[in-house]
Amino acid sequence: MMTDSFMGDGPVLSAKDTENKQSQPRAPRSYILYICRYKAFLVETLISLQHVTAGYEGKAVIKEVNLDVLPDDFIGVIGPNGGGKTTLLKVMLGLIRPFKGKVTYSPALQGEKQFKIGYLPQWIQHDSRYPASVMDVVLTGVPTQSFGLYGKMARMAAMEALEKTGVADLTRKPFGELSGGQRQKVLLARALATRPLVLILDEPDTFTDQQFERDLYPMLREFNKNMAIVMVSHDLGIIASYVKTIACVNGGLHHHPSNMIDEKVLASYECPIDIITHGDLPHRVLNRHD
């Protein structure tokens, strides 16, 4: 809904609200001007945060945040614990309203029954005794048809997502019997089942295994050909290898225009983080700073 938005004191719009507004004048869309060697062209912003302040129970966690998410973005979000990274994602998802400021969505994100935004949270609680299959879990990410039933198209979308994450062979297996990495692949498939234009990930490799980490980032690079990605991570080695830009969040937000970042830049952003690096990935080890 780049033409649809919510602000600090306004309601969060639903798809039904949007239908009721179709006869009303639309607000101007938001575009970013790109200039290359041969021509200039406009790219519509998918999600735009403008001077957003948000938090919980009246206490601000992030303040005066500005961020535009474009169709081919792969933004790595870093920052200290408690700095507001998850709060930022919740604002982008419309899960919490900003105290002030404005969040705007492109019309391209509005599907028939839900927004084309996929979300993989840091951790999902589940009862391992609940007899849900892998297919059942992925289908929860797809809009139902009449009477809450899933039709052929929904099952095809779910299977397509499972194939993309490499776990199509686990379709009938109970979700509770999977390893941590397998569960995350299934939950990632659920996020992909709506064929999103924006994929939002909150530390997706937490509580998983090394095989999942090896598989995840090449998959995300491939997904990024067809969707924007916003990912929270504490692993700057991974960030520097795969993302295109870096957003440092520590109360405020500083969007660094590349994936290369050093100690001086982090210090200027007031973004102290503990750097984790491993394996043969290219990385820079930075000292913690005050």
Protein backbone atom coordinates (compact mmCIF):
# COMPACT_ATOMS: atom_id res chain seq x y z
CA MET A 1 0.00 0.00 0.00
CA MET A 2 2.35 2.83 -0.92
CA THR A 3 -0.91 4.66 -1.33
CA ASP A 4 -2.12 3.20 1.98
CA SER A 5 -0.39 4.07 5.23
CA PHE A 6 -0.73 4.39 8.93
CA MET A 7 0.65 6.99 11.27
CA GLY A 8 1.12 7.18 14.98
CA ASP A 9 -2.41 8.25 15.83
CA GLY A 10 -4.22 6.48 13.00
CA PRO A 11 -5.56 2.94 12.57
CA VAL A 12 -3.65 0.11 10.92
CA LEU A 13 -5.41 -0.55 7.62
CA SER A 14 -6.64 -4.00 6.69
CA ALA A 15 -7.38 -5.36 3.23
CA LYS A 16 -11.09 -4.75 3.90
CA ASP A 17 -10.39 -1.14 4.86
CA THR A 18 -8.52 -0.74 1.59
CA GLU A 19 -11.48 -2.06 -0.43
CA ASN A 20 -13.70 0.57 1.19
CA LYS A 21 -11.23 3.27 0.18
CA GLN A 22 -11.05 2.39 -3.50
CA SER A 23 -13.41 5.21 -4.46
CA GLN A 24 -11.38 7.77 -2.54
CA PRO A 25 -8.52 9.79 -4.08
CA ARG A 26 -5.17 8.07 -3.78
CA ALA A 27 -2.15 9.72 -2.20
CA PRO A 28 0.97 10.18 -4.32
CA ARG A 29 3.27 7.21 -4.59
CA SER A 30 6.85 7.28 -3.35
CA TYR A 31 9.68 6.80 -5.81
CA ILE A 32 13.46 6.76 -5.69
CA LEU A 33 15.33 8.29 -8.64
CA TYR A 34 18.21 6.18 -9.96
CA ILE A 35 20.75 7.62 -12.39
CA CYS A 36 23.03 5.25 -14.29
CA ARG A 37 25.49 5.85 -17.10
CA TYR A 38 22.92 5.92 -19.87
CA LYS A 39 19.60 6.95 -18.37
CA ALA A 40 17.66 7.88 -15.27
CA PHE A 41 14.76 5.76 -14.06
CA LEU A 42 12.31 5.66 -11.17
CA VAL A 43 11.92 2.74 -8.77
CA GLU A 44 8.83 2.60 -6.57
CA THR A 45 9.50 2.16 -2.88
CA LEU A 46 7.90 -0.97 -1.42
CA ILE A 47 7.97 0.11 2.24
CA SER A 48 8.79 3.58 3.51
CA LEU A 49 9.33 4.65 7.13
CA GLN A 50 9.33 8.41 7.65
CA HIS A 51 10.35 9.93 11.00
CA VAL A 52 9.03 6.89 12.85
CA THR A 53 9.18 6.67 16.64
CA ALA A 54 7.86 3.43 18.14
CA GLY A 55 8.06 1.21 21.19
CA TYR A 56 5.92 -0.37 23.89
CA GLU A 57 3.66 0.95 26.67
CA GLY A 58 4.51 4.54 25.84
CA LYS A 59 8.29 4.01 25.99
CA ALA A 60 10.13 4.68 22.72
CA VAL A 61 12.60 2.03 21.53
CA ILE A 62 13.37 3.53 18.12
CA LYS A 63 13.23 7.26 17.38
CA GLU A 64 13.00 9.33 14.20
CA VAL A 65 13.71 6.36 11.94
CA ASN A 66 13.75 6.84 8.16
CA LEU A 67 14.13 3.88 5.81
CA ASP A 68 13.06 3.02 2.26
CA VAL A 69 12.91 -0.60 1.05
CA LEU A 70 13.30 -0.93 -2.73
CA PRO A 71 12.45 -3.96 -4.90
CA ASP A 72 16.01 -5.33 -5.18
CA ASP A 73 17.26 -4.40 -1.70
CA PHE A 74 19.03 -6.85 0.60
CA ILE A 75 19.40 -4.91 3.83
CA GLY A 76 21.34 -6.35 6.75
CA VAL A 77 20.17 -4.95 10.09
CA ILE A 78 22.75 -4.91 12.88
CA GLY A 79 22.94 -3.38 16.34
CA PRO A 80 23.27 -4.17 20.04
CA ASN A 81 20.70 -6.21 21.98
CA GLY A 82 17.86 -3.94 23.00
CA GLY A 83 18.73 -1.43 20.29
CA GLY A 84 15.39 -1.80 18.52
CA LYS A 85 16.05 -4.24 15.66
CA THR A 86 13.01 -6.43 16.28
CA THR A 87 10.88 -3.35 17.00
CA LEU A 88 11.90 -1.98 13.61
CA LEU A 89 10.75 -5.18 11.90
CA LYS A 90 7.43 -5.18 13.77
CA VAL A 91 6.77 -1.62 12.64
CA MET A 92 7.54 -2.59 9.04
CA LEU A 93 5.16 -5.55 9.33
CA GLY A 94 2.39 -3.41 10.80
CA LEU A 95 2.40 -5.45 14.02
CA ILE A 96 2.81 -2.31 16.15
CA ARG A 97 1.79 1.26 15.44
CA PRO A 98 4.35 4.03 15.62
CA PHE A 99 3.90 6.67 18.29
CA LYS A 100 4.58 9.19 15.57
CA GLY A 101 5.79 9.23 12.00
CA LYS A 102 4.42 7.39 8.98
CA VAL A 103 4.75 3.91 7.45
CA THR A 104 3.69 3.60 3.82
CA TYR A 105 3.31 0.53 1.59
CA SER A 106 3.29 0.13 -2.17
CA PRO A 107 0.06 -1.06 -3.85
CA ALA A 108 2.20 -3.87 -5.32
CA LEU A 109 2.32 -5.46 -1.86
CA GLN A 110 -1.43 -5.80 -1.62
CA GLY A 111 -2.61 -9.26 -2.65
CA GLU A 112 -6.21 -10.43 -2.85
CA LYS A 113 -6.34 -11.59 0.78
CA GLN A 114 -3.08 -10.54 2.43
CA PHE A 115 0.01 -8.42 1.93
CA LYS A 116 2.89 -9.86 -0.08
CA ILE A 117 5.30 -9.66 2.85
CA GLY A 118 6.91 -12.84 4.18
CA TYR A 119 8.14 -12.98 7.78
CA LEU A 120 10.41 -15.44 9.57
CA PRO A 121 10.61 -14.52 13.28
CA GLN A 122 13.56 -15.35 15.47
CA TRP A 123 11.75 -18.16 17.23
CA ILE A 124 8.29 -19.71 17.09
CA GLN A 125 6.95 -21.63 20.06
CA HIS A 126 5.21 -24.87 19.21
CA ASP A 127 4.00 -27.99 20.91
CA SER A 128 5.98 -30.91 19.53
CA ARG A 129 3.09 -33.22 20.45
CA TYR A 130 0.70 -31.41 18.11
CA PRO A 131 0.23 -33.68 15.07
CA ALA A 132 0.85 -31.10 12.34
CA SER A 133 2.69 -32.18 9.21
CA VAL A 134 5.19 -30.04 7.36
CA MET A 135 2.57 -29.32 4.70
CA ASP A 136 0.08 -28.26 7.38
CA VAL A 137 2.57 -25.73 8.77
CA VAL A 138 3.40 -24.21 5.39
CA LEU A 139 -0.27 -23.94 4.45
CA THR A 140 -0.84 -21.65 7.45
CA GLY A 141 1.05 -19.02 5.47
CA VAL A 142 -1.36 -19.24 2.52
CA PRO A 143 -4.80 -17.55 2.48
CA THR A 144 -7.66 -20.05 2.78
CA GLN A 145 -10.56 -20.32 0.38
CA SER A 146 -14.19 -20.68 1.44
CA PHE A 147 -14.95 -22.25 4.84
CA GLY A 148 -11.27 -22.13 5.83
CA LEU A 149 -10.26 -24.83 3.36
CA TYR A 150 -7.08 -24.89 1.30
CA GLY A 151 -7.58 -25.41 -2.41
CA LYS A 152 -5.36 -26.82 -5.12
CA MET A 153 -3.64 -23.48 -5.80
CA ALA A 154 -2.77 -23.07 -2.12
CA ARG A 155 -1.20 -26.53 -1.99
CA MET A 156 0.73 -25.86 -5.17
CA ALA A 157 2.10 -22.63 -3.68
CA ALA A 158 3.08 -24.46 -0.49
CA MET A 159 4.85 -27.22 -2.41
CA GLU A 160 6.67 -24.66 -4.55
CA ALA A 161 7.92 -22.94 -1.40
CA LEU A 162 9.06 -26.26 0.12
CA GLU A 163 11.01 -27.02 -3.05
CA LYS A 164 12.71 -23.63 -2.89
CA THR A 165 13.92 -24.29 0.66
CA GLY A 166 14.99 -27.85 -0.10
CA VAL A 167 12.58 -29.73 2.16
CA ALA A 168 9.91 -30.93 -0.27
CA ASP A 169 10.76 -34.50 0.71
CA LEU A 170 9.57 -33.81 4.26
CA THR A 171 6.02 -32.82 3.25
CA ARG A 172 4.23 -35.53 5.25
CA LYS A 173 6.65 -35.69 8.17
CA PRO A 174 5.45 -34.40 11.57
CA PHE A 175 6.82 -30.92 12.18
CA GLY A 176 7.68 -31.76 15.79
CA GLU A 177 10.11 -34.48 14.68
CA LEU A 178 12.31 -32.17 12.61
CA SER A 179 15.73 -30.83 13.56
CA GLY A 180 16.16 -27.12 14.31
CA GLY A 181 17.53 -26.41 10.84
CA GLN A 182 14.76 -28.38 9.14
CA ARG A 183 12.11 -26.50 11.11
CA GLN A 184 13.56 -23.16 10.05
CA LYS A 185 13.53 -24.25 6.40
CA VAL A 186 9.87 -25.21 6.76
CA LEU A 187 9.03 -21.90 8.44
CA LEU A 188 10.97 -20.08 5.72
CA ALA A 189 8.85 -21.97 3.17
CA ARG A 190 5.75 -20.74 5.00
CA ALA A 191 7.03 -17.16 4.63
CA LEU A 192 7.59 -17.77 0.90
CA ALA A 193 4.23 -19.44 0.27
CA THR A 194 2.50 -16.10 -0.39
CA ARG A 195 5.09 -15.32 -3.08
CA PRO A 196 6.19 -12.16 -1.23
CA LEU A 197 7.81 -9.09 -2.72
CA VAL A 198 9.46 -8.35 0.64
CA LEU A 199 10.95 -11.03 2.91
CA ILE A 200 11.70 -10.02 6.51
CA LEU A 201 13.94 -12.24 8.67
CA ASP A 202 14.75 -11.82 12.37
CA GLU A 203 18.05 -13.62 13.09
CA PRO A 204 17.00 -16.68 11.04
CA ASP A 205 20.04 -18.78 11.99
CA THR A 206 19.43 -18.63 15.76
CA PHE A 207 18.83 -22.05 17.39
CA THR A 208 19.75 -23.92 14.22
CA ASP A 209 22.57 -26.13 12.97
CA GLN A 210 25.60 -25.49 10.75
CA GLN A 211 24.00 -27.20 7.76
CA PHE A 212 21.13 -24.73 7.86
CA GLU A 213 23.58 -21.81 7.97
CA ARG A 214 25.45 -23.18 4.94
CA ASP A 215 22.21 -23.59 3.01
CA LEU A 216 20.41 -20.41 4.07
CA TYR A 217 22.49 -17.58 2.65
CA PRO A 218 22.93 -18.92 -0.90
CA MET A 219 19.15 -19.45 -0.91
CA LEU A 220 18.56 -15.86 0.18
CA ARG A 221 20.87 -14.57 -2.54
CA GLU A 222 18.75 -16.47 -5.08
CA PHE A 223 15.48 -15.23 -3.54
CA ASN A 224 16.79 -11.66 -3.72
CA LYS A 225 16.52 -11.82 -7.52
CA ASN A 226 12.73 -11.66 -7.13
CA MET A 227 12.13 -9.94 -3.81
CA ALA A 228 13.57 -7.42 -1.39
CA ILE A 229 15.05 -8.85 1.82
CA VAL A 230 15.47 -7.23 5.23
CA MET A 231 17.42 -9.43 7.66
CA VAL A 232 18.55 -8.94 11.25
CA SER A 233 21.87 -10.64 12.03
CA HIS A 234 24.71 -10.47 14.55
CA ASP A 235 27.12 -12.12 12.12
CA LEU A 236 28.97 -9.33 10.29
CA GLY A 237 30.95 -11.92 8.34
CA ILE A 238 27.70 -13.13 6.78
CA ILE A 239 26.42 -9.58 6.40
CA ALA A 240 29.48 -8.47 4.45
CA SER A 241 29.29 -11.52 2.19
CA TYR A 242 25.66 -11.46 1.14
CA VAL A 243 23.75 -8.24 1.88
CA LYS A 244 23.94 -5.11 -0.27
CA THR A 245 23.52 -2.42 2.39
CA ILE A 246 23.67 -2.26 6.19
CA ALA A 247 21.29 -0.58 8.62
CA CYS A 248 22.72 0.08 12.08
CA VAL A 249 19.98 0.27 14.72
CA ASN A 250 20.61 1.54 18.23
CA GLY A 251 17.61 3.66 19.13
CA GLY A 252 18.05 5.53 15.85
CA LEU A 253 18.82 4.08 12.42
CA HIS A 254 21.74 4.79 10.08
CA HIS A 255 21.49 3.18 6.63
CA HIS A 256 25.00 2.52 5.27
CA PRO A 257 24.96 2.47 1.44
CA SER A 258 27.20 -0.59 1.03
CA ASN A 259 28.01 -3.95 2.66
CA MET A 260 31.51 -2.87 3.73
CA ILE A 261 31.65 -1.26 7.13
CA ASP A 262 34.48 -0.58 9.56
CA GLU A 263 34.99 0.42 13.16
CA LYS A 264 35.00 4.16 12.47
CA VAL A 265 31.70 4.00 10.64
CA LEU A 266 30.09 1.95 13.40
CA ALA A 267 31.38 4.43 15.98
CA SER A 268 29.97 7.37 14.03
CA TYR A 269 26.61 5.54 13.92
CA GLU A 270 26.75 4.93 17.70
CA CYS A 271 26.18 1.27 16.91
CA PRO A 272 28.27 -0.91 19.27
CA ILE A 273 27.99 -4.60 18.38
CA ASP A 274 29.81 -7.81 19.17
CA ILE A 275 31.11 -9.28 15.91
CA ILE A 276 30.84 -13.00 15.27
CA THR A 277 32.85 -14.56 12.46
CA HIS A 278 33.52 -18.16 11.50
CA GLY A 279 34.56 -20.44 8.67
CA ASP A 280 36.19 -19.20 5.49
CA LEU A 281 33.85 -16.27 4.92
CA PRO A 282 35.56 -12.93 4.22
CA HIS A 283 35.25 -10.67 7.22
CA ARG A 284 36.68 -7.87 9.28
CA VAL A 285 37.08 -8.29 13.02
CA LEU A 286 36.18 -5.05 14.78
CA ASN A 287 36.87 -4.05 18.37
CA ARG A 288 33.95 -3.25 20.63
CA HIS A 289 33.60 0.48 21.08
CA ASP A 290 31.77 2.74 23.52
